[in-house]
Amino acid sequence: MSKLGDYLKIKRNERNLSQAKVYKYTGITNSRLCKAENGADNILRAVELKKLSILYDVPIVPLFMMAGFLDSSDLEEYQSGFKNTSMLNSDEKNHIQDQINFIIKKKG
């Protein structure tokens, strides 16, 4: 099994949903869901993961990361709140963090 497959199966079972019920609510066939839960890579499309995230009441970003649609570098700019941070090297990022820490310390 894959990490995504294990996670999807756990979440479905936590909700006491059969694969047939998931199909009813999402349109994802039993066959596709079964394959995904058993570790088939790239079987589910992004739109299907979105439907599962809503049905299972889980955040979409971890699902996209487990499926390989996103990795942590894709999120870096959005997590920081600043644009183009992915263009900075680690020394430049550390310098900026030092400046932020200095400003916060002054506010004390």
Protein backbone atom coordinates (compact mmCIF):
# COMPACT_ATOMS: atom_id res chain seq x y z
CA MET A 1 0.00 0.00 0.00
CA SER A 2 0.98 3.61 -0.42
CA LYS A 3 0.86 6.35 2.16
CA LEU A 4 -2.02 7.97 0.26
CA GLY A 5 -3.85 4.66 -0.14
CA ASP A 6 -3.51 3.83 3.55
CA TYR A 7 -4.68 7.31 4.52
CA LEU A 8 -7.72 7.21 2.23
CA LYS A 9 -8.79 3.81 3.52
CA ILE A 10 -8.40 4.88 7.15
CA LYS A 11 -10.44 8.05 6.59
CA ARG A 12 -13.17 6.15 4.72
CA ASN A 13 -13.41 3.61 7.52
CA GLU A 14 -13.46 6.35 10.18
CA ARG A 15 -16.53 7.74 8.42
CA ASN A 16 -18.08 4.25 8.25
CA LEU A 17 -18.41 4.56 4.47
CA SER A 18 -18.39 1.67 2.04
CA GLN A 19 -16.77 2.12 -1.33
CA ALA A 20 -20.27 2.07 -2.79
CA LYS A 21 -21.29 5.01 -0.58
CA VAL A 22 -18.17 6.92 -1.63
CA TYR A 23 -19.21 6.34 -5.25
CA LYS A 24 -22.70 7.65 -4.48
CA TYR A 25 -21.32 10.89 -3.00
CA THR A 26 -18.32 11.47 -5.29
CA GLY A 27 -18.77 9.51 -8.51
CA ILE A 28 -15.45 7.72 -7.93
CA THR A 29 -16.02 4.10 -8.91
CA ASN A 30 -15.43 1.28 -6.45
CA SER A 31 -12.72 -0.03 -8.77
CA ARG A 32 -10.77 3.25 -8.86
CA LEU A 33 -11.10 3.80 -5.12
CA CYS A 34 -10.05 0.22 -4.40
CA LYS A 35 -6.99 0.60 -6.63
CA ALA A 36 -6.07 3.89 -4.95
CA GLU A 37 -6.48 2.43 -1.46
CA ASN A 38 -4.32 -0.51 -2.46
CA GLY A 39 -1.46 1.71 -3.60
CA ALA A 40 -1.95 2.29 -7.32
CA ASP A 41 -0.04 5.45 -8.14
CA ASN A 42 -1.65 8.31 -10.05
CA ILE A 43 -5.04 6.58 -10.24
CA LEU A 44 -7.00 9.50 -8.78
CA ARG A 45 -7.22 12.89 -10.45
CA ALA A 46 -6.96 16.17 -8.53
CA VAL A 47 -10.70 16.78 -8.78
CA GLU A 48 -11.38 13.35 -7.26
CA LEU A 49 -9.01 14.02 -4.36
CA LYS A 50 -10.84 17.29 -3.78
CA LYS A 51 -14.15 15.41 -3.57
CA LEU A 52 -12.65 12.92 -1.11
CA SER A 53 -11.20 15.72 1.02
CA ILE A 54 -14.66 17.22 1.33
CA LEU A 55 -16.38 13.89 2.00
CA TYR A 56 -13.78 12.77 4.54
CA ASP A 57 -13.48 16.28 6.01
CA VAL A 58 -9.70 16.40 5.63
CA PRO A 59 -7.46 19.17 4.25
CA ILE A 60 -6.76 18.97 0.53
CA VAL A 61 -3.09 20.01 0.65
CA PRO A 62 -1.82 16.89 2.45
CA LEU A 63 -3.75 14.73 -0.03
CA PHE A 64 -2.18 16.57 -2.95
CA MET A 65 1.24 16.16 -1.37
CA MET A 66 0.76 12.42 -0.77
CA ALA A 67 -0.44 12.05 -4.38
CA GLY A 68 2.63 13.88 -5.67
CA PHE A 69 0.71 16.86 -7.07
CA LEU A 70 2.54 19.21 -4.70
CA ASP A 71 5.71 19.14 -2.63
CA SER A 72 6.88 21.37 0.18
CA SER A 73 8.76 23.71 -2.17
CA ASP A 74 5.49 24.42 -3.99
CA LEU A 75 4.01 25.71 -0.73
CA GLU A 76 6.96 27.70 0.55
CA GLU A 77 5.91 31.02 -0.95
CA TYR A 78 2.36 30.68 0.31
CA GLN A 79 3.40 29.67 3.80
CA SER A 80 5.71 32.62 4.21
CA GLY A 81 3.24 35.25 3.06
CA PHE A 82 5.91 36.80 0.81
CA LYS A 83 6.20 36.55 -2.96
CA ASN A 84 9.13 34.95 -4.79
CA THR A 85 10.73 33.46 -1.68
CA SER A 86 11.45 30.32 -3.69
CA MET A 87 14.03 32.36 -5.61
CA LEU A 88 16.09 32.96 -2.46
CA ASN A 89 18.86 30.68 -1.30
CA SER A 90 19.08 29.55 2.31
CA ASP A 91 21.62 32.25 3.31
CA GLU A 92 19.32 34.96 1.97
CA LYS A 93 16.35 33.45 3.80
CA ASN A 94 18.36 33.26 7.03
CA HIS A 95 19.39 36.90 6.65
CA ILE A 96 15.77 37.96 6.26
CA GLN A 97 14.75 35.83 9.25
CA ASP A 98 17.50 37.51 11.31
CA GLN A 99 16.07 40.90 10.35
CA ILE A 100 12.57 39.81 11.36
CA ASN A 101 13.88 38.49 14.68
CA PHE A 102 15.69 41.80 15.28
CA ILE A 103 12.51 43.81 14.65
CA ILE A 104 10.45 41.57 16.93
CA LYS A 105 13.09 41.80 19.67
CA LYS A 106 13.00 45.62 19.44
CA LYS A 107 9.24 45.54 19.94
CA GLY A 108 9.92 43.42 23.03
